[in-house]
PDB file of N, CA and C in Angstrom:
ATOM      1  N   MET A   1       3.451  19.795  18.974  1.00  0.00           N
ATOM      2  CA  MET A   1       4.753  19.400  17.880  1.00  0.00           C
ATOM      3  C   MET A   1       4.262  19.510  16.590  1.00  0.00           C
ATOM      4  N   LYS A   2       4.748  20.980  16.060  1.00  0.00           N
ATOM      5  CA  LYS A   2       3.784  21.310  14.548  1.00  0.00           C
ATOM      6  C   LYS A   2       4.117  20.137  13.456  1.00  0.00           C
ATOM      7  N   ASN A   3       5.051  19.206  13.467  1.00  0.00           N
ATOM      8  CA  ASN A   3       5.522  18.384  12.389  1.00  0.00           C
ATOM      9  C   ASN A   3       4.838  16.893  12.691  1.00  0.00           C
ATOM     10  N   TRP A   4       4.220  16.807  13.502  1.00  0.00           N
ATOM     11  CA  TRP A   4       3.417  15.696  14.245  1.00  0.00           C
ATOM     12  C   TRP A   4       3.337  14.710  13.266  1.00  0.00           C
ATOM     13  N   PRO A   5       2.276  14.867  12.538  1.00  0.00           N
ATOM     14  CA  PRO A   5       1.518  14.480  11.686  1.00  0.00           C
ATOM     15  C   PRO A   5       2.676  14.304  10.222  1.00  0.00           C
ATOM     16  N   ILE A   6       3.468  15.007   9.993  1.00  0.00           N
ATOM     17  CA  ILE A   6       4.465  14.132   8.971  1.00  0.00           C
ATOM     18  C   ILE A   6       5.561  13.744   9.364  1.00  0.00           C
ATOM     19  N   ILE A   7       5.904  13.610  11.204  1.00  0.00           N
ATOM     20  CA  ILE A   7       6.601  12.104  11.400  1.00  0.00           C
ATOM     21  C   ILE A   7       6.080  11.345  11.619  1.00  0.00           C
ATOM     22  N   SER A   8       4.502  11.493  11.649  1.00  0.00           N
ATOM     23  CA  SER A   8       3.946   9.846  11.954  1.00  0.00           C
ATOM     24  C   SER A   8       3.550   8.944  10.979  1.00  0.00           C
ATOM     25  N   GLN A   9       3.562   9.869  10.140  1.00  0.00           N
ATOM     26  CA  GLN A   9       3.549   8.672   8.712  1.00  0.00           C
ATOM     27  C   GLN A   9       4.687   8.067   8.872  1.00  0.00           C
ATOM     28  N   PRO A  10       6.245   8.348   8.467  1.00  0.00           N
ATOM     29  CA  PRO A  10       6.958   7.555   8.270  1.00  0.00           C
ATOM     30  C   PRO A  10       7.542   6.912   9.678  1.00  0.00           C
ATOM     31  N   LEU A  11       7.148   7.235  11.344  1.00  0.00           N
ATOM     32  CA  LEU A  11       7.050   6.363  11.641  1.00  0.00           C
ATOM     33  C   LEU A  11       6.051   4.996  11.919  1.00  0.00           C
ATOM     34  N   SER A  12       4.681   5.657  11.337  1.00  0.00           N
ATOM     35  CA  SER A  12       3.797   4.798  11.428  1.00  0.00           C
ATOM     36  C   SER A  12       4.147   3.597  10.285  1.00  0.00           C
ATOM     37  N   LEU A  13       4.959   3.535   9.647  1.00  0.00           N
ATOM     38  CA  LEU A  13       5.089   2.932   8.025  1.00  0.00           C
ATOM     39  C   LEU A  13       6.661   1.766   8.948  1.00  0.00           C
ATOM     40  N   GLY A  14       7.579   2.555   9.006  1.00  0.00           N
ATOM     41  CA  GLY A  14       8.320   2.099   9.977  1.00  0.00           C
ATOM     42  C   GLY A  14       7.960   0.101  10.711  1.00  0.00           C
ATOM     43  N   ILE A  15       6.765   0.952  11.572  1.00  0.00           N
ATOM     44  CA  ILE A  15       6.655   0.014  12.752  1.00  0.00           C
ATOM     45  C   ILE A  15       5.379  -1.211  12.046  1.00  0.00           C
ATOM     46  N   ILE A  16       5.273  -0.536  11.129  1.00  0.00           N
ATOM     47  CA  ILE A  16       4.268  -1.789  10.471  1.00  0.00           C
ATOM     48  C   ILE A  16       4.958  -2.703   9.751  1.00  0.00           C
ATOM     49  N   PHE A  17       6.283  -2.096   9.165  1.00  0.00           N
ATOM     50  CA  PHE A  17       7.099  -3.049   8.398  1.00  0.00           C
ATOM     51  C   PHE A  17       8.074  -3.826   9.110  1.00  0.00           C
ATOM     52  N   LEU A  18       7.937  -3.461  10.342  1.00  0.00           N
ATOM     53  CA  LEU A  18       8.516  -4.304  11.089  1.00  0.00           C
ATOM     54  C   LEU A  18       7.792  -5.937  11.854  1.00  0.00           C
ATOM     55  N   LEU A  19       6.950  -4.954  12.249  1.00  0.00           N
ATOM     56  CA  LEU A  19       5.807  -5.748  12.692  1.00  0.00           C
ATOM     57  C   LEU A  19       5.333  -7.036  11.386  1.00  0.00           C
ATOM     58  N   LEU A  20       5.024  -6.295  10.346  1.00  0.00           N
ATOM     59  CA  LEU A  20       5.226  -7.567   9.496  1.00  0.00           C
ATOM     60  C   LEU A  20       5.972  -8.658   9.074  1.00  0.00           C
ATOM     61  N   TRP A  21       7.464  -8.031   9.329  1.00  0.00           N
ATOM     62  CA  TRP A  21       8.334  -9.080   8.844  1.00  0.00           C
ATOM     63  C   TRP A  21       8.718 -10.038  10.143  1.00  0.00           C
ATOM     64  N   ALA A  22       8.699  -9.206  11.370  1.00  0.00           N
ATOM     65  CA  ALA A  22       8.288 -10.764  12.764  1.00  0.00           C
ATOM     66  C   ALA A  22       7.334 -11.600  12.144  1.00  0.00           C
ATOM     67  N   ILE A  23       6.781 -10.961  11.851  1.00  0.00           N
ATOM     68  CA  ILE A  23       5.065 -12.507  11.611  1.00  0.00           C
ATOM     69  C   ILE A  23       5.491 -12.968  10.310  1.00  0.00           C
ATOM     70  N   GLY A  24       6.179 -13.014   9.233  1.00  0.00           N
ATOM     71  CA  GLY A  24       6.373 -13.597   8.360  1.00  0.00           C
ATOM     72  C   GLY A  24       7.397 -14.298   8.246  1.00  0.00           C
ATOM     73  N   THR A  25       9.059 -13.775   9.443  1.00  0.00           N
ATOM     74  CA  THR A  25       9.749 -14.230   9.934  1.00  0.00           C
ATOM     75  C   THR A  25       9.364 -15.726  10.501  1.00  0.00           C
ATOM     76  N   ALA A  26       8.655 -15.502  11.335  1.00  0.00           N
ATOM     77  CA  ALA A  26       7.838 -16.517  12.307  1.00  0.00           C
ATOM     78  C   ALA A  26       6.859 -17.774  11.848  1.00  0.00           C
ATOM     79  N   ILE A  27       6.400 -17.252  10.154  1.00  0.00           N
ATOM     80  CA  ILE A  27       5.740 -18.211   9.338  1.00  0.00           C
ATOM     81  C   ILE A  27       6.665 -18.692   8.493  1.00  0.00           C
ATOM     82  N   LEU A  28       6.990 -17.632   7.712  1.00  0.00           N
ATOM     83  CA  LEU A  28       8.110 -18.412   6.101  1.00  0.00           C
ATOM     84  C   LEU A  28       9.218 -17.315   6.498  1.00  0.00           C
ATOM     85  N   PRO A  29      10.291 -18.336   7.347  1.00  0.00           N
ATOM     86  CA  PRO A  29      11.639 -17.581   8.270  1.00  0.00           C
ATOM     87  C   PRO A  29      12.448 -18.107   6.599  1.00  0.00           C
ATOM     88  N   GLN A  30      12.445 -18.715   5.737  1.00  0.00           N
ATOM     89  CA  GLN A  30      13.585 -18.817   4.578  1.00  0.00           C
ATOM     90  C   GLN A  30      13.336 -17.525   3.766  1.00  0.00           C
ATOM     91  N   TYR A  31      11.783 -16.917   3.640  1.00  0.00           N
ATOM     92  CA  TYR A  31      11.770 -15.619   2.578  1.00  0.00           C
ATOM     93  C   TYR A  31      11.921 -14.810   3.230  1.00  0.00           C
ATOM     94  N   THR A  32      12.430 -14.084   4.741  1.00  0.00           N
ATOM     95  CA  THR A  32      12.273 -13.315   4.967  1.00  0.00           C
ATOM     96  C   THR A  32      13.516 -12.818   5.458  1.00  0.00           C
ATOM     97  N   HIS A  33      14.852 -13.509   5.073  1.00  0.00           N
ATOM     98  CA  HIS A  33      16.246 -12.465   5.535  1.00  0.00           C
ATOM     99  C   HIS A  33      15.962 -12.066   4.631  1.00  0.00           C
ATOM    100  N   PRO A  34      17.163 -11.101   4.986  1.00  0.00           N
ATOM    101  CA  PRO A  34      17.259  -9.562   4.094  1.00  0.00           C
ATOM    102  C   PRO A  34      18.256 -10.087   2.817  1.00  0.00           C
ATOM    103  N   ASN A  35      18.917 -10.611   2.801  1.00  0.00           N
ATOM    104  CA  ASN A  35      19.721 -11.075   1.270  1.00  0.00           C
ATOM    105  C   ASN A  35      18.198 -11.724   0.288  1.00  0.00           C
ATOM    106  N   THR A  36      17.298 -11.578   0.572  1.00  0.00           N
ATOM    107  CA  THR A  36      16.603 -12.490  -0.440  1.00  0.00           C
ATOM    108  C   THR A  36      16.219 -11.340  -1.675  1.00  0.00           C
ATOM    109  N   VAL A  37      15.713 -11.248  -2.526  1.00  0.00           N
ATOM    110  CA  VAL A  37      15.308 -10.025  -3.852  1.00  0.00           C
ATOM    111  C   VAL A  37      14.033  -9.572  -2.603  1.00  0.00           C
ATOM    112  N   ILE A  38      13.064 -10.369  -2.255  1.00  0.00           N
ATOM    113  CA  ILE A  38      11.680  -9.960  -2.096  1.00  0.00           C
ATOM    114  C   ILE A  38      11.892  -8.872  -1.304  1.00  0.00           C
ATOM    115  N   MET A  39      12.787  -9.377   0.237  1.00  0.00           N
ATOM    116  CA  MET A  39      13.321  -8.439   1.315  1.00  0.00           C
ATOM    117  C   MET A  39      13.851  -7.095   0.559  1.00  0.00           C
ATOM    118  N   ARG A  40      14.660  -7.506  -0.120  1.00  0.00           N
ATOM    119  CA  ARG A  40      15.811  -6.371  -0.751  1.00  0.00           C
ATOM    120  C   ARG A  40      14.058  -5.178  -1.198  1.00  0.00           C
ATOM    121  N   LEU A  41      13.217  -5.423  -2.331  1.00  0.00           N
ATOM    122  CA  LEU A  41      12.452  -5.002  -2.744  1.00  0.00           C
ATOM    123  C   LEU A  41      11.511  -3.742  -1.616  1.00  0.00           C
ATOM    124  N   LEU A  42      11.357  -4.959  -0.517  1.00  0.00           N
ATOM    125  CA  LEU A  42      10.838  -4.311   0.583  1.00  0.00           C
ATOM    126  C   LEU A  42      11.380  -2.938   0.992  1.00  0.00           C
ATOM    127  N   PHE A  43      12.856  -3.725   1.411  1.00  0.00           N
ATOM    128  CA  PHE A  43      13.118  -2.642   2.181  1.00  0.00           C
ATOM    129  C   PHE A  43      13.633  -1.283   0.966  1.00  0.00           C
ATOM    130  N   LEU A  44      13.661  -1.270  -0.487  1.00  0.00           N
ATOM    131  CA  LEU A  44      13.695  -0.198  -1.034  1.00  0.00           C
ATOM    132  C   LEU A  44      12.795   0.587  -1.265  1.00  0.00           C
ATOM    133  N   PHE A  45      11.568  -0.346  -1.247  1.00  0.00           N
ATOM    134  CA  PHE A  45      10.114   0.807  -0.843  1.00  0.00           C
ATOM    135  C   PHE A  45       9.854   1.355  -0.312  1.00  0.00           C
ATOM    136  N   ILE A  46      10.544   0.696   1.088  1.00  0.00           N
ATOM    137  CA  ILE A  46       9.926   1.387   2.419  1.00  0.00           C
ATOM    138  C   ILE A  46      11.136   2.683   2.464  1.00  0.00           C
ATOM    139  N   GLY A  47      12.202   1.811   2.218  1.00  0.00           N
ATOM    140  CA  GLY A  47      12.882   3.536   2.925  1.00  0.00           C
ATOM    141  C   GLY A  47      12.935   4.444   1.498  1.00  0.00           C
ATOM    142  N   ALA A  48      12.452   4.376   0.381  1.00  0.00           N
ATOM    143  CA  ALA A  48      11.921   5.708  -0.581  1.00  0.00           C
ATOM    144  C   ALA A  48      10.813   6.311  -0.142  1.00  0.00           C
ATOM    145  N   GLN A  49      10.054   5.520   0.481  1.00  0.00           N
ATOM    146  CA  GLN A  49       8.913   6.583   0.849  1.00  0.00           C
ATOM    147  C   GLN A  49       9.151   7.250   2.257  1.00  0.00           C
ATOM    148  N   ILE A  50      10.238   6.894   3.333  1.00  0.00           N
ATOM    149  CA  ILE A  50      10.333   7.327   4.677  1.00  0.00           C
ATOM    150  C   ILE A  50      11.015   8.485   4.212  1.00  0.00           C
ATOM    151  N   SER A  51      12.386   8.295   2.772  1.00  0.00           N
ATOM    152  CA  SER A  51      13.801   9.214   2.938  1.00  0.00           C
ATOM    153  C   SER A  51      12.343  10.400   2.117  1.00  0.00           C
ATOM    154  N   GLY A  52      11.961   9.656   1.258  1.00  0.00           N
ATOM    155  CA  GLY A  52      10.996  11.293   0.654  1.00  0.00           C
ATOM    156  C   GLY A  52      10.458  11.955   1.892  1.00  0.00           C
ATOM    157  N   ILE A  53       9.561  11.211   2.644  1.00  0.00           N
ATOM    158  CA  ILE A  53       8.771  11.786   3.783  1.00  0.00           C
ATOM    159  C   ILE A  53       9.638  13.012   4.233  1.00  0.00           C
ATOM    160  N   LEU A  54      11.179  11.924   4.975  1.00  0.00           N
ATOM    161  CA  LEU A  54      11.913  13.239   5.451  1.00  0.00           C
ATOM    162  C   LEU A  54      12.240  14.670   4.814  1.00  0.00           C
ATOM    163  N   VAL A  55      12.583  14.326   3.572  1.00  0.00           N
ATOM    164  CA  VAL A  55      13.243  15.057   2.475  1.00  0.00           C
ATOM    165  C   VAL A  55      11.794  16.465   2.264  1.00  0.00           C
ATOM    166  N   SER A  56      10.921  15.651   2.765  1.00  0.00           N
ATOM    167  CA  SER A  56       9.874  16.866   2.374  1.00  0.00           C
ATOM    168  C   SER A  56       9.787  18.035   3.206  1.00  0.00           C
ATOM    169  N   LEU A  57      10.178  17.350   4.464  1.00  0.00           N
ATOM    170  CA  LEU A  57      10.291  18.330   5.895  1.00  0.00           C
ATOM    171  C   LEU A  57      11.035  19.691   5.615  1.00  0.00           C
ATOM    172  N   THR A  58      11.915  19.207   4.885  1.00  0.00           N
ATOM    173  CA  THR A  58      12.879  21.003   4.341  1.00  0.00           C
ATOM    174  C   THR A  58      12.002  21.377   3.620  1.00  0.00           C
ATOM    175  N   GLY A  59      11.050  21.349   2.961  1.00  0.00           N
ATOM    176  CA  GLY A  59      10.421  21.730   1.803  1.00  0.00           C
ATOM    177  C   GLY A  59      10.730  21.642   0.323  1.00  0.00           C
ATOM    178  N   LEU A  60      11.509  20.586   0.596  1.00  0.00           N
ATOM    179  CA  LEU A  60      12.152  20.072  -0.935  1.00  0.00           C
ATOM    180  C   LEU A  60      10.735  19.040  -1.435  1.00  0.00           C
ATOM    181  N   PRO A  61      10.602  18.824  -2.801  1.00  0.00           N
ATOM    182  CA  PRO A  61       9.773  17.711  -3.115  1.00  0.00           C
ATOM    183  C   PRO A  61      10.083  16.494  -2.993  1.00  0.00           C
ATOM    184  N   ASP A  62       9.164  15.603  -1.909  1.00  0.00           N
ATOM    185  CA  ASP A  62       9.749  14.015  -1.754  1.00  0.00           C
ATOM    186  C   ASP A  62      10.246  13.356  -2.664  1.00  0.00           C
ATOM    187  N   MET A  63      10.164  13.247  -3.752  1.00  0.00           N
ATOM    188  CA  MET A  63      10.477  12.750  -4.685  1.00  0.00           C
ATOM    189  C   MET A  63      12.406  12.738  -5.002  1.00  0.00           C
ATOM    190  N   LEU A  64      12.878  14.101  -4.389  1.00  0.00           N
ATOM    191  CA  LEU A  64      14.443  13.638  -4.750  1.00  0.00           C
ATOM    192  C   LEU A  64      14.753  13.303  -3.326  1.00  0.00           C
ATOM    193  N   GLY A  65      13.899  13.132  -2.101  1.00  0.00           N
ATOM    194  CA  GLY A  65      13.880  12.080  -1.239  1.00  0.00           C
ATOM    195  C   GLY A  65      14.155  10.724  -1.840  1.00  0.00           C
ATOM    196  N   MET A  66      13.261   9.882  -2.644  1.00  0.00           N
ATOM    197  CA  MET A  66      12.959   8.851  -3.172  1.00  0.00           C
ATOM    198  C   MET A  66      14.220   8.338  -4.223  1.00  0.00           C
ATOM    199  N   LEU A  67      14.565   9.511  -4.901  1.00  0.00           N
ATOM    200  CA  LEU A  67      15.534   9.441  -6.186  1.00  0.00           C
ATOM    201  C   LEU A  67      16.802   9.129  -5.389  1.00  0.00           C
ATOM    202  N   PHE A  68      17.051   9.823  -3.837  1.00  0.00           N
ATOM    203  CA  PHE A  68      18.292   9.464  -3.487  1.00  0.00           C
ATOM    204  C   PHE A  68      18.438   8.642  -3.185  1.00  0.00           C
ATOM    205  N   TRP A  69      17.442   7.887  -2.766  1.00  0.00           N
ATOM    206  CA  TRP A  69      17.396   6.367  -1.996  1.00  0.00           C
ATOM    207  C   TRP A  69      17.615   5.464  -2.548  1.00  0.00           C
ATOM    208  N   GLY A  70      17.369   5.241  -3.957  1.00  0.00           N
ATOM    209  CA  GLY A  70      16.965   4.329  -4.913  1.00  0.00           C
ATOM    210  C   GLY A  70      18.957   4.556  -5.541  1.00  0.00           C
ATOM    211  N   VAL A  71      19.543   5.696  -5.547  1.00  0.00           N
ATOM    212  CA  VAL A  71      20.733   5.716  -6.328  1.00  0.00           C
ATOM    213  C   VAL A  71      21.992   4.924  -4.560  1.00  0.00           C
ATOM    214  N   LEU A  72      21.537   5.683  -3.765  1.00  0.00           N
ATOM    215  CA  LEU A  72      21.931   5.368  -2.162  1.00  0.00           C
ATOM    216  C   LEU A  72      22.171   3.600  -2.803  1.00  0.00           C
ATOM    217  N   TYR A  73      21.077   2.852  -2.630  1.00  0.00           N
ATOM    218  CA  TYR A  73      20.131   1.675  -2.544  1.00  0.00           C
ATOM    219  C   TYR A  73      21.381   0.908  -3.400  1.00  0.00           C
ATOM    220  N   LYS A  74      21.103   1.816  -4.795  1.00  0.00           N
ATOM    221  CA  LYS A  74      22.353   0.955  -6.011  1.00  0.00           C
ATOM    222  C   LYS A  74      23.597   0.823  -5.545  1.00  0.00           C
ATOM    223  N   ASN A  75      23.851   1.649  -5.374  1.00  0.00           N
ATOM    224  CA  ASN A  75      25.733   2.250  -5.331  1.00  0.00           C
ATOM    225  C   ASN A  75      25.996   1.174  -3.579  1.00  0.00           C
ATOM    226  N   ILE A  76      25.112   0.919  -2.596  1.00  0.00           N
ATOM    227  CA  ILE A  76      25.663   0.343  -1.705  1.00  0.00           C
ATOM    228  C   ILE A  76      25.610  -1.145  -2.280  1.00  0.00           C
ATOM    229  N   GLY A  77      25.211  -1.646  -3.296  1.00  0.00           N
ATOM    230  CA  GLY A  77      24.817  -3.463  -4.148  1.00  0.00           C
ATOM    231  C   GLY A  77      23.803  -4.053  -3.268  1.00  0.00           C
ATOM    232  N   LEU A  78      22.667  -3.422  -2.914  1.00  0.00           N
ATOM    233  CA  LEU A  78      21.733  -3.728  -2.576  1.00  0.00           C
ATOM    234  C   LEU A  78      20.620  -3.995  -3.769  1.00  0.00           C
ATOM    235  N   GLY A  79      20.661  -3.746  -4.826  1.00  0.00           N
ATOM    236  CA  GLY A  79      19.595  -3.306  -6.136  1.00  0.00           C
ATOM    237  C   GLY A  79      20.217  -3.893  -7.037  1.00  0.00           C
ATOM    238  N   ASN A  80      20.465  -5.530  -6.643  1.00  0.00           N
ATOM    239  CA  ASN A  80      20.643  -6.608  -7.320  1.00  0.00           C
ATOM    240  C   ASN A  80      19.594  -7.299  -6.957  1.00  0.00           C
ATOM    241  N   PHE A  81      18.552  -7.701  -8.139  1.00  0.00           N
ATOM    242  CA  PHE A  81      17.681  -8.282  -7.942  1.00  0.00           C
ATOM    243  C   PHE A  81      17.362  -9.204  -9.341  1.00  0.00           C
ATOM    244  N   ASP A  82      18.237  -9.969  -8.990  1.00  0.00           N
ATOM    245  CA  ASP A  82      18.335 -11.620  -9.516  1.00  0.00           C
ATOM    246  C   ASP A  82      17.463 -12.046  -9.965  1.00  0.00           C
ATOM    247  N   GLY A  83      16.996 -12.971 -11.290  1.00  0.00           N
ATOM    248  CA  GLY A  83      15.540 -13.550 -10.844  1.00  0.00           C
ATOM    249  C   GLY A  83      14.107 -12.610 -11.451  1.00  0.00           C
ATOM    250  N   TYR A  84      14.244 -11.489 -10.815  1.00  0.00           N
ATOM    251  CA  TYR A  84      13.220 -10.579 -11.103  1.00  0.00           C
ATOM    252  C   TYR A  84      13.302  -9.435 -11.989  1.00  0.00           C
ATOM    253  N   ASN A  85      14.129  -9.973 -13.302  1.00  0.00           N
ATOM    254  CA  ASN A  85      14.461  -9.018 -14.085  1.00  0.00           C
ATOM    255  C   ASN A  85      13.340  -8.394 -14.618  1.00  0.00           C
ATOM    256  N   GLY A  86      12.494  -9.218 -15.106  1.00  0.00           N
ATOM    257  CA  GLY A  86      10.781  -8.714 -15.643  1.00  0.00           C
ATOM    258  C   GLY A  86      10.205  -7.576 -14.681  1.00  0.00           C
ATOM    259  N   LEU A  87      10.006  -7.572 -13.051  1.00  0.00           N
ATOM    260  CA  LEU A  87       9.797  -6.766 -12.327  1.00  0.00           C
ATOM    261  C   LEU A  87      10.595  -5.803 -12.765  1.00  0.00           C
ATOM    262  N   GLU A  88      11.956  -5.836 -12.463  1.00  0.00           N
ATOM    263  CA  GLU A  88      12.667  -4.858 -12.060  1.00  0.00           C
ATOM    264  C   GLU A  88      12.567  -3.596 -13.287  1.00  0.00           C
ATOM    265  N   ALA A  89      12.140  -3.961 -14.330  1.00  0.00           N
ATOM    266  CA  ALA A  89      11.792  -3.028 -15.783  1.00  0.00           C
ATOM    267  C   ALA A  89      10.649  -2.614 -15.900  1.00  0.00           C
ATOM    268  N   THR A  90       9.748  -3.767 -14.972  1.00  0.00           N
ATOM    269  CA  THR A  90       8.425  -2.657 -14.827  1.00  0.00           C
ATOM    270  C   THR A  90       8.042  -1.732 -13.926  1.00  0.00           C
ATOM    271  N   LEU A  91       8.971  -1.846 -12.635  1.00  0.00           N
ATOM    272  CA  LEU A  91       9.396  -1.235 -11.923  1.00  0.00           C
ATOM    273  C   LEU A  91      10.264   0.420 -11.975  1.00  0.00           C
ATOM    274  N   ARG A  92      10.714   0.402 -13.328  1.00  0.00           N
ATOM    275  CA  ARG A  92      11.698   1.319 -13.768  1.00  0.00           C
ATOM    276  C   ARG A  92      10.623   2.161 -14.024  1.00  0.00           C
TER     277      ARG A  92
END
């Protein structure tokens, strides 16, 4: 399979994220709920990385996939980071 080196990166990133989320849920369940600001930031980062890699499989720049993920994330209503306005401005 010639695309395995490209596909293995988002796959391993997703598996690592799920395992860390499971560990975090066992230790600090109040912070690992999907509606918390910290988890939404992590979903934004992980989703952008994975969508960037998937778009790069088509020969397009991976930044297009990351931008698409950010626009989609904001339009479905998950881009609300109340309480972290300074961090949001820094990330932009």
